[in-house]
Amino acid sequence: MSGRNIVILFITLLVLFTLSRSLYVIKETERGVLLQFGEVVNPDIQPGLHIKIPFVNNVRKFDGRVLTLDSPGERFITQEKKALIVDSYAKFRVSDTTRFYTATNFDEGRARTLLAQRINTGLRNQVGVRTIQEVVSGERDQLMQVITEELTRVAQEELGVEIIDVRVKQIDLPKDVSESVYRRMNAEREKEARELRSQGQELAEGIRAAADREVTVIKANAYRDAELIRGEGDAEATRIYAEAFNQDPEFYSFTRSLRAYQDAFEGNSDLLLMQPDSEFFRYLKDSRGGD
């Protein structure tokens, strides 16, 4: 190979190497920053093919999408001095590339560490001024809103990061207090159950007493009404008998004697001692009852 060909080959390789060091691509899901000797000269390179000066410019790329920071469960103390294990996550994205570069040197791991510290501090401050009930359910949405607003301001100023949302995934009691809390809750529920049972028994006794009293009143009224009706019936029967017997007193006397004879001689072993001229044998001696 001649010297001229070697020179051409060398120049060609040099051109290719220069082009490879000069051309770069920014994807749609990425964000790029152009540096010149370590100084930011273009903080927001648009997606596409671009040219840079080799050995002078440097391009740093990072994910431009919304990212998720999943923080491990941390122990926080509530206003009641009760410990809680809070497991949370945050959604964020880079909004100020210059500030992000200054704070993290485009190191996503460092950015996540710093952001996790800010989230941990924000949660600790907000949980510390609330009760367990407020943290778990009462003011949970308000808690998340306040933390998101505060973290967005702090992260924007310090890291150039915008906090999209902060959410609590799970809230648990520490293992060392879970058992004691369970026993206390169980005791409270048993106490409540005993109170409810005693109230139910008291109510049942009242219902039974009222029912017994009502039964007694109903029976007394029924007996009173029955006696009144029976008395009226007896009175009516007596009146009818009186009217009937007044029409023929002799016949009434005769029927009374027959009834007396029937009652007297109904038994086989009955023994009756009387005078022969007794009034009892009046109609036996004379069918017309004459003396």
Foldseek 3Di string as FASTA:
>chain_A
DDPVVVVVVVVVVVVVVQQVQFKDFADPQKFKFKDFVNHTPRQGDDGDIGTDGGPGIDMDMDGQDWDKQWDAWDWAAALVRAIKTWTKMWIKGAQGRNLQCVQPVNDVVVLSVVLNVLLVVLLNVLRHHHDPCCCPPVVVVVSFVVSQVVSQVVCCVRNNMGIPTMHTDDMGGDPVCPVVVVVVVVVVVVVVVVVVVVVVVVVVVVVVVVVVVVVVVVVVVVVVVVVVVVVVVVVVVVVVVVVVCVVPVQVVVLVVLVVVVCVQPVDPPHDDDDDPPDLSCQCVVPVSSDD
